[in-house]
Amino acid sequence: MEDCARRRYPEMNGEVSKKQPPILQTDPWIDRGVVAALGLAVLIWLVGAIWLVGNGSQNTPDILTAIGSAAVGALAGLLAPSPASH
């Protein structure tokens, strides 16, 4: 693997950097995409529930409630500050 890295990046002079953090921890666009997808799921859930009630349905399907609740909980977990940051 180091030979491949040397050929691809000759400017590193044979050193493979192991100090770089994983991309999932440093790229802000990943977090933004996840928050956007969960926010969209919450909006679709809210519009669907309002539409069902507006059309005379007595209650919303359990799967719709489960998906909406999971998306709201995931958003709260992502957007709340971590205890270590205080």
PDB file of N, CA and C in Angstrom:
ATOM      1  N   MET A   1       0.819  -1.188   0.000  1.00  0.00           N
ATOM      2  CA  MET A   1       0.000   0.000   0.000  1.00  0.00           C
ATOM      3  C   MET A   1       0.866   1.256   0.000  1.00  0.00           C
ATOM      4  N   GLU A   2       2.012   1.189   0.700  1.00  0.00           N
ATOM      5  CA  GLU A   2       2.894   2.346   0.723  1.00  0.00           C
ATOM      6  C   GLU A   2       3.496   2.598  -0.652  1.00  0.00           C
ATOM      7  N   ASP A   3       3.759   1.532  -1.426  1.00  0.00           N
ATOM      8  CA  ASP A   3       4.299   1.710  -2.768  1.00  0.00           C
ATOM      9  C   ASP A   3       3.302   2.450  -3.648  1.00  0.00           C
ATOM     10  N   CYS A   4       2.037   2.105  -3.504  1.00  0.00           N
ATOM     11  CA  CYS A   4       0.997   2.780  -4.273  1.00  0.00           C
ATOM     12  C   CYS A   4       0.917   4.257  -3.894  1.00  0.00           C
ATOM     13  N   ALA A   5       1.021   4.544  -2.594  1.00  0.00           N
ATOM     14  CA  ALA A   5       0.985   5.931  -2.143  1.00  0.00           C
ATOM     15  C   ALA A   5       2.206   6.701  -2.642  1.00  0.00           C
ATOM     16  N   ARG A   6       3.370   6.065  -2.681  1.00  0.00           N
ATOM     17  CA  ARG A   6       4.574   6.731  -3.173  1.00  0.00           C
ATOM     18  C   ARG A   6       4.451   7.063  -4.653  1.00  0.00           C
ATOM     19  N   ARG A   7       3.887   6.135  -5.416  1.00  0.00           N
ATOM     20  CA  ARG A   7       3.731   6.393  -6.848  1.00  0.00           C
ATOM     21  C   ARG A   7       2.685   7.473  -7.111  1.00  0.00           C
ATOM     22  N   ARG A   8       1.627   7.479  -6.329  1.00  0.00           N
ATOM     23  CA  ARG A   8       0.550   8.435  -6.571  1.00  0.00           C
ATOM     24  C   ARG A   8       0.896   9.826  -6.053  1.00  0.00           C
ATOM     25  N   TYR A   9       1.617   9.888  -4.927  1.00  0.00           N
ATOM     26  CA  TYR A   9       1.965  11.174  -4.321  1.00  0.00           C
ATOM     27  C   TYR A   9       3.477  11.246  -4.100  1.00  0.00           C
ATOM     28  N   PRO A  10       4.235  11.522  -5.141  1.00  0.00           N
ATOM     29  CA  PRO A  10       5.700  11.538  -4.992  1.00  0.00           C
ATOM     30  C   PRO A  10       6.178  12.673  -4.089  1.00  0.00           C
ATOM     31  N   GLU A  11       5.407  13.717  -3.910  1.00  0.00           N
ATOM     32  CA  GLU A  11       5.840  14.843  -3.085  1.00  0.00           C
ATOM     33  C   GLU A  11       5.917  14.491  -1.595  1.00  0.00           C
ATOM     34  N   MET A  12       5.393  13.330  -1.207  1.00  0.00           N
ATOM     35  CA  MET A  12       5.423  12.926   0.195  1.00  0.00           C
ATOM     36  C   MET A  12       6.746  12.281   0.571  1.00  0.00           C
ATOM     37  N   ASN A  13       7.618  12.031  -0.395  1.00  0.00           N
ATOM     38  CA  ASN A  13       8.934  11.429  -0.168  1.00  0.00           C
ATOM     39  C   ASN A  13       8.846  10.101   0.580  1.00  0.00           C
ATOM     40  N   GLY A  14       7.885   9.309   0.257  1.00  0.00           N
ATOM     41  CA  GLY A  14       7.787   7.985   0.852  1.00  0.00           C
ATOM     42  C   GLY A  14       7.119   7.935   2.207  1.00  0.00           C
ATOM     43  N   GLU A  15       6.702   9.065   2.753  1.00  0.00           N
ATOM     44  CA  GLU A  15       6.041   9.059   4.050  1.00  0.00           C
ATOM     45  C   GLU A  15       4.531   9.029   3.860  1.00  0.00           C
ATOM     46  N   VAL A  16       3.903   8.092   4.500  1.00  0.00           N
ATOM     47  CA  VAL A  16       2.454   8.011   4.457  1.00  0.00           C
ATOM     48  C   VAL A  16       1.947   8.638   5.745  1.00  0.00           C
ATOM     49  N   SER A  17       1.185   9.687   5.601  1.00  0.00           N
ATOM     50  CA  SER A  17       0.699  10.412   6.775  1.00  0.00           C
ATOM     51  C   SER A  17      -0.394   9.616   7.475  1.00  0.00           C
ATOM     52  N   LYS A  18      -0.205   9.403   8.750  1.00  0.00           N
ATOM     53  CA  LYS A  18      -1.205   8.700   9.544  1.00  0.00           C
ATOM     54  C   LYS A  18      -1.827   9.637  10.573  1.00  0.00           C
ATOM     55  N   LYS A  19      -1.547  10.926  10.465  1.00  0.00           N
ATOM     56  CA  LYS A  19      -2.033  11.893  11.432  1.00  0.00           C
ATOM     57  C   LYS A  19      -3.353  12.529  11.011  1.00  0.00           C
ATOM     58  N   GLN A  20      -3.790  12.313   9.802  1.00  0.00           N
ATOM     59  CA  GLN A  20      -5.013  12.941   9.331  1.00  0.00           C
ATOM     60  C   GLN A  20      -6.223  12.272   9.964  1.00  0.00           C
ATOM     61  N   PRO A  21      -7.182  13.079  10.467  1.00  0.00           N
ATOM     62  CA  PRO A  21      -8.395  12.497  11.039  1.00  0.00           C
ATOM     63  C   PRO A  21      -9.292  11.947   9.935  1.00  0.00           C
ATOM     64  N   PRO A  22     -10.175  11.042  10.277  1.00  0.00           N
ATOM     65  CA  PRO A  22     -11.089  10.488   9.274  1.00  0.00           C
ATOM     66  C   PRO A  22     -11.965  11.575   8.651  1.00  0.00           C
ATOM     67  N   ILE A  23     -12.282  11.403   7.404  1.00  0.00           N
ATOM     68  CA  ILE A  23     -13.058  12.405   6.661  1.00  0.00           C
ATOM     69  C   ILE A  23     -14.458  12.589   7.248  1.00  0.00           C
ATOM     70  N   LEU A  24     -15.018  11.542   7.838  1.00  0.00           N
ATOM     71  CA  LEU A  24     -16.359  11.667   8.414  1.00  0.00           C
ATOM     72  C   LEU A  24     -16.383  12.600   9.620  1.00  0.00           C
ATOM     73  N   GLN A  25     -15.254  12.818  10.259  1.00  0.00           N
ATOM     74  CA  GLN A  25     -15.202  13.696  11.424  1.00  0.00           C
ATOM     75  C   GLN A  25     -14.841  15.135  11.071  1.00  0.00           C
ATOM     76  N   THR A  26     -14.325  15.368   9.888  1.00  0.00           N
ATOM     77  CA  THR A  26     -13.851  16.705   9.551  1.00  0.00           C
ATOM     78  C   THR A  26     -14.647  17.398   8.456  1.00  0.00           C
ATOM     79  N   ASP A  27     -15.400  16.689   7.658  1.00  0.00           N
ATOM     80  CA  ASP A  27     -16.122  17.285   6.538  1.00  0.00           C
ATOM     81  C   ASP A  27     -17.470  17.817   6.999  1.00  0.00           C
ATOM     82  N   PRO A  28     -17.684  19.143   6.977  1.00  0.00           N
ATOM     83  CA  PRO A  28     -18.969  19.690   7.445  1.00  0.00           C
ATOM     84  C   PRO A  28     -20.126  19.397   6.497  1.00  0.00           C
ATOM     85  N   TRP A  29     -19.849  19.080   5.243  1.00  0.00           N
ATOM     86  CA  TRP A  29     -20.929  18.830   4.289  1.00  0.00           C
ATOM     87  C   TRP A  29     -21.648  17.522   4.583  1.00  0.00           C
ATOM     88  N   ILE A  30     -20.977  16.581   5.211  1.00  0.00           N
ATOM     89  CA  ILE A  30     -21.643  15.331   5.580  1.00  0.00           C
ATOM     90  C   ILE A  30     -22.710  15.609   6.621  1.00  0.00           C
ATOM     91  N   ASP A  31     -22.357  16.408   7.632  1.00  0.00           N
ATOM     92  CA  ASP A  31     -23.325  16.763   8.669  1.00  0.00           C
ATOM     93  C   ASP A  31     -24.484  17.553   8.083  1.00  0.00           C
ATOM     94  N   ARG A  32     -24.191  18.464   7.201  1.00  0.00           N
ATOM     95  CA  ARG A  32     -25.250  19.272   6.585  1.00  0.00           C
ATOM     96  C   ARG A  32     -26.194  18.407   5.760  1.00  0.00           C
ATOM     97  N   GLY A  33     -25.650  17.453   5.053  1.00  0.00           N
ATOM     98  CA  GLY A  33     -26.492  16.556   4.255  1.00  0.00           C
ATOM     99  C   GLY A  33     -27.383  15.685   5.122  1.00  0.00           C
ATOM    100  N   VAL A  34     -26.841  15.187   6.226  1.00  0.00           N
ATOM    101  CA  VAL A  34     -27.635  14.360   7.133  1.00  0.00           C
ATOM    102  C   VAL A  34     -28.747  15.182   7.765  1.00  0.00           C
ATOM    103  N   VAL A  35     -28.428  16.395   8.219  1.00  0.00           N
ATOM    104  CA  VAL A  35     -29.442  17.259   8.826  1.00  0.00           C
ATOM    105  C   VAL A  35     -30.508  17.637   7.796  1.00  0.00           C
ATOM    106  N   ALA A  36     -30.098  17.905   6.568  1.00  0.00           N
ATOM    107  CA  ALA A  36     -31.064  18.248   5.519  1.00  0.00           C
ATOM    108  C   ALA A  36     -31.989  17.063   5.221  1.00  0.00           C
ATOM    109  N   ALA A  37     -31.430  15.865   5.151  1.00  0.00           N
ATOM    110  CA  ALA A  37     -32.257  14.686   4.866  1.00  0.00           C
ATOM    111  C   ALA A  37     -33.235  14.418   6.007  1.00  0.00           C
ATOM    112  N   LEU A  38     -32.770  14.533   7.244  1.00  0.00           N
ATOM    113  CA  LEU A  38     -33.666  14.313   8.380  1.00  0.00           C
ATOM    114  C   LEU A  38     -34.723  15.410   8.475  1.00  0.00           C
ATOM    115  N   GLY A  39     -34.326  16.644   8.188  1.00  0.00           N
ATOM    116  CA  GLY A  39     -35.298  17.738   8.173  1.00  0.00           C
ATOM    117  C   GLY A  39     -36.352  17.533   7.106  1.00  0.00           C
ATOM    118  N   LEU A  40     -35.945  17.053   5.958  1.00  0.00           N
ATOM    119  CA  LEU A  40     -36.899  16.756   4.890  1.00  0.00           C
ATOM    120  C   LEU A  40     -37.846  15.632   5.297  1.00  0.00           C
ATOM    121  N   ALA A  41     -37.315  14.625   5.981  1.00  0.00           N
ATOM    122  CA  ALA A  41     -38.172  13.529   6.457  1.00  0.00           C
ATOM    123  C   ALA A  41     -39.200  14.033   7.462  1.00  0.00           C
ATOM    124  N   VAL A  42     -38.790  14.959   8.333  1.00  0.00           N
ATOM    125  CA  VAL A  42     -39.731  15.530   9.301  1.00  0.00           C
ATOM    126  C   VAL A  42     -40.803  16.339   8.584  1.00  0.00           C
ATOM    127  N   LEU A  43     -40.407  17.125   7.585  1.00  0.00           N
ATOM    128  CA  LEU A  43     -41.395  17.917   6.846  1.00  0.00           C
ATOM    129  C   LEU A  43     -42.379  17.034   6.092  1.00  0.00           C
ATOM    130  N   ILE A  44     -41.884  15.988   5.461  1.00  0.00           N
ATOM    131  CA  ILE A  44     -42.771  15.068   4.744  1.00  0.00           C
ATOM    132  C   ILE A  44     -43.723  14.390   5.723  1.00  0.00           C
ATOM    133  N   TRP A  45     -43.206  14.004   6.885  1.00  0.00           N
ATOM    134  CA  TRP A  45     -44.042  13.388   7.917  1.00  0.00           C
ATOM    135  C   TRP A  45     -45.135  14.354   8.374  1.00  0.00           C
ATOM    136  N   LEU A  46     -44.772  15.604   8.615  1.00  0.00           N
ATOM    137  CA  LEU A  46     -45.734  16.589   9.087  1.00  0.00           C
ATOM    138  C   LEU A  46     -46.806  16.863   8.037  1.00  0.00           C
ATOM    139  N   VAL A  47     -46.398  17.049   6.798  1.00  0.00           N
ATOM    140  CA  VAL A  47     -47.361  17.296   5.724  1.00  0.00           C
ATOM    141  C   VAL A  47     -48.255  16.075   5.510  1.00  0.00           C
ATOM    142  N   GLY A  48     -47.681  14.888   5.566  1.00  0.00           N
ATOM    143  CA  GLY A  48     -48.474  13.672   5.403  1.00  0.00           C
ATOM    144  C   GLY A  48     -49.491  13.487   6.517  1.00  0.00           C
ATOM    145  N   ALA A  49     -49.080  13.767   7.744  1.00  0.00           N
ATOM    146  CA  ALA A  49     -50.015  13.634   8.862  1.00  0.00           C
ATOM    147  C   ALA A  49     -51.139  14.652   8.762  1.00  0.00           C
ATOM    148  N   ILE A  50     -50.818  15.889   8.404  1.00  0.00           N
ATOM    149  CA  ILE A  50     -51.855  16.920   8.245  1.00  0.00           C
ATOM    150  C   ILE A  50     -52.788  16.558   7.099  1.00  0.00           C
ATOM    151  N   TRP A  51     -52.234  16.053   6.016  1.00  0.00           N
ATOM    152  CA  TRP A  51     -53.058  15.671   4.866  1.00  0.00           C
ATOM    153  C   TRP A  51     -54.012  14.534   5.228  1.00  0.00           C
ATOM    154  N   LEU A  52     -53.511  13.544   5.969  1.00  0.00           N
ATOM    155  CA  LEU A  52     -54.365  12.422   6.367  1.00  0.00           C
ATOM    156  C   LEU A  52     -55.502  12.877   7.271  1.00  0.00           C
ATOM    157  N   VAL A  53     -55.203  13.749   8.216  1.00  0.00           N
ATOM    158  CA  VAL A  53     -56.246  14.247   9.109  1.00  0.00           C
ATOM    159  C   VAL A  53     -57.230  15.115   8.336  1.00  0.00           C
ATOM    160  N   GLY A  54     -56.734  15.900   7.398  1.00  0.00           N
ATOM    161  CA  GLY A  54     -57.604  16.749   6.586  1.00  0.00           C
ATOM    162  C   GLY A  54     -58.531  15.957   5.686  1.00  0.00           C
ATOM    163  N   ASN A  55     -58.144  14.744   5.306  1.00  0.00           N
ATOM    164  CA  ASN A  55     -58.982  13.908   4.443  1.00  0.00           C
ATOM    165  C   ASN A  55     -59.905  12.993   5.228  1.00  0.00           C
ATOM    166  N   GLY A  56     -60.011  13.200   6.517  1.00  0.00           N
ATOM    167  CA  GLY A  56     -60.977  12.452   7.305  1.00  0.00           C
ATOM    168  C   GLY A  56     -60.444  11.203   7.975  1.00  0.00           C
ATOM    169  N   SER A  57     -59.166  10.972   7.955  1.00  0.00           N
ATOM    170  CA  SER A  57     -58.625   9.800   8.634  1.00  0.00           C
ATOM    171  C   SER A  57     -58.675  10.026  10.145  1.00  0.00           C
ATOM    172  N   GLN A  58     -59.058   9.001  10.877  1.00  0.00           N
ATOM    173  CA  GLN A  58     -59.181   9.135  12.326  1.00  0.00           C
ATOM    174  C   GLN A  58     -57.822   9.118  13.013  1.00  0.00           C
ATOM    175  N   ASN A  59     -56.877   8.367  12.488  1.00  0.00           N
ATOM    176  CA  ASN A  59     -55.540   8.315  13.080  1.00  0.00           C
ATOM    177  C   ASN A  59     -54.504   8.083  11.981  1.00  0.00           C
ATOM    178  N   THR A  60     -53.278   8.446  12.290  1.00  0.00           N
ATOM    179  CA  THR A  60     -52.196   8.255  11.322  1.00  0.00           C
ATOM    180  C   THR A  60     -51.652   6.836  11.443  1.00  0.00           C
ATOM    181  N   PRO A  61     -51.160   6.263  10.359  1.00  0.00           N
ATOM    182  CA  PRO A  61     -50.580   4.918  10.418  1.00  0.00           C
ATOM    183  C   PRO A  61     -49.367   4.876  11.354  1.00  0.00           C
ATOM    184  N   ASP A  62     -49.170   3.738  11.968  1.00  0.00           N
ATOM    185  CA  ASP A  62     -48.073   3.590  12.921  1.00  0.00           C
ATOM    186  C   ASP A  62     -46.712   3.806  12.268  1.00  0.00           C
ATOM    187  N   ILE A  63     -46.543   3.383  11.021  1.00  0.00           N
ATOM    188  CA  ILE A  63     -45.249   3.546  10.358  1.00  0.00           C
ATOM    189  C   ILE A  63     -44.931   5.017  10.147  1.00  0.00           C
ATOM    190  N   LEU A  64     -45.951   5.821   9.845  1.00  0.00           N
ATOM    191  CA  LEU A  64     -45.744   7.251   9.662  1.00  0.00           C
ATOM    192  C   LEU A  64     -45.321   7.902  10.976  1.00  0.00           C
ATOM    193  N   THR A  65     -45.940   7.487  12.060  1.00  0.00           N
ATOM    194  CA  THR A  65     -45.574   8.007  13.378  1.00  0.00           C
ATOM    195  C   THR A  65     -44.157   7.577  13.756  1.00  0.00           C
ATOM    196  N   ALA A  66     -43.802   6.344  13.461  1.00  0.00           N
ATOM    197  CA  ALA A  66     -42.467   5.842  13.804  1.00  0.00           C
ATOM    198  C   ALA A  66     -41.379   6.567  13.021  1.00  0.00           C
ATOM    199  N   ILE A  67     -41.593   6.765  11.732  1.00  0.00           N
ATOM    200  CA  ILE A  67     -40.589   7.453  10.908  1.00  0.00           C
ATOM    201  C   ILE A  67     -40.423   8.894  11.352  1.00  0.00           C
ATOM    202  N   GLY A  68     -41.523   9.575  11.599  1.00  0.00           N
ATOM    203  CA  GLY A  68     -41.452  10.966  12.049  1.00  0.00           C
ATOM    204  C   GLY A  68     -40.779  11.096  13.397  1.00  0.00           C
ATOM    205  N   SER A  69     -41.122  10.225  14.313  1.00  0.00           N
ATOM    206  CA  SER A  69     -40.514  10.277  15.648  1.00  0.00           C
ATOM    207  C   SER A  69     -39.019   9.980  15.595  1.00  0.00           C
ATOM    208  N   ALA A  70     -38.634   9.021  14.783  1.00  0.00           N
ATOM    209  CA  ALA A  70     -37.211   8.691  14.655  1.00  0.00           C
ATOM    210  C   ALA A  70     -36.436   9.855  14.033  1.00  0.00           C
ATOM    211  N   ALA A  71     -37.010  10.504  13.034  1.00  0.00           N
ATOM    212  CA  ALA A  71     -36.330  11.634  12.398  1.00  0.00           C
ATOM    213  C   ALA A  71     -36.193  12.809  13.359  1.00  0.00           C
ATOM    214  N   VAL A  72     -37.230  13.091  14.137  1.00  0.00           N
ATOM    215  CA  VAL A  72     -37.155  14.181  15.114  1.00  0.00           C
ATOM    216  C   VAL A  72     -36.109  13.856  16.187  1.00  0.00           C
ATOM    217  N   GLY A  73     -36.084  12.626  16.669  1.00  0.00           N
ATOM    218  CA  GLY A  73     -35.093  12.232  17.662  1.00  0.00           C
ATOM    219  C   GLY A  73     -33.672  12.299  17.132  1.00  0.00           C
ATOM    220  N   ALA A  74     -33.483  11.895  15.885  1.00  0.00           N
ATOM    221  CA  ALA A  74     -32.148  11.955  15.283  1.00  0.00           C
ATOM    222  C   ALA A  74     -31.694  13.401  15.105  1.00  0.00           C
ATOM    223  N   LEU A  75     -32.601  14.277  14.688  1.00  0.00           N
ATOM    224  CA  LEU A  75     -32.251  15.689  14.561  1.00  0.00           C
ATOM    225  C   LEU A  75     -31.879  16.284  15.908  1.00  0.00           C
ATOM    226  N   ALA A  76     -32.643  15.946  16.943  1.00  0.00           N
ATOM    227  CA  ALA A  76     -32.339  16.455  18.282  1.00  0.00           C
ATOM    228  C   ALA A  76     -30.967  15.953  18.738  1.00  0.00           C
ATOM    229  N   GLY A  77     -30.651  14.707  18.469  1.00  0.00           N
ATOM    230  CA  GLY A  77     -29.355  14.165  18.859  1.00  0.00           C
ATOM    231  C   GLY A  77     -28.197  14.795  18.113  1.00  0.00           C
ATOM    232  N   LEU A  78     -28.411  15.137  16.847  1.00  0.00           N
ATOM    233  CA  LEU A  78     -27.339  15.749  16.059  1.00  0.00           C
ATOM    234  C   LEU A  78     -27.120  17.215  16.402  1.00  0.00           C
ATOM    235  N   LEU A  79     -28.200  17.931  16.681  1.00  0.00           N
ATOM    236  CA  LEU A  79     -28.097  19.367  16.877  1.00  0.00           C
ATOM    237  C   LEU A  79     -27.849  19.768  18.320  1.00  0.00           C
ATOM    238  N   ALA A  80     -28.074  18.886  19.271  1.00  0.00           N
ATOM    239  CA  ALA A  80     -27.817  19.205  20.675  1.00  0.00           C
ATOM    240  C   ALA A  80     -26.306  19.205  20.928  1.00  0.00           C
ATOM    241  N   PRO A  81     -25.836  20.117  21.767  1.00  0.00           N
ATOM    242  CA  PRO A  81     -24.396  20.116  22.063  1.00  0.00           C
ATOM    243  C   PRO A  81     -24.010  18.890  22.886  1.00  0.00           C
ATOM    244  N   SER A  82     -22.829  18.394  22.634  1.00  0.00           N
ATOM    245  CA  SER A  82     -22.372  17.212  23.381  1.00  0.00           C
ATOM    246  C   SER A  82     -21.949  17.633  24.781  1.00  0.00           C
ATOM    247  N   PRO A  83     -22.081  16.740  25.757  1.00  0.00           N
ATOM    248  CA  PRO A  83     -21.695  17.084  27.123  1.00  0.00           C
ATOM    249  C   PRO A  83     -20.204  17.397  27.265  1.00  0.00           C
ATOM    250  N   ALA A  84     -19.393  16.861  26.398  1.00  0.00           N
ATOM    251  CA  ALA A  84     -17.942  17.088  26.479  1.00  0.00           C
ATOM    252  C   ALA A  84     -17.573  18.520  26.057  1.00  0.00           C
ATOM    253  N   SER A  85     -18.464  19.206  25.322  1.00  0.00           N
ATOM    254  CA  SER A  85     -18.129  20.545  24.836  1.00  0.00           C
ATOM    255  C   SER A  85     -18.373  21.631  25.877  1.00  0.00           C
ATOM    256  N   HIS A  86     -18.958  21.301  27.029  1.00  0.00           N
ATOM    257  CA  HIS A  86     -19.216  22.305  28.066  1.00  0.00           C
ATOM    258  C   HIS A  86     -18.023  22.529  28.928  1.00  0.00           C
TER     259      HIS A  86
END
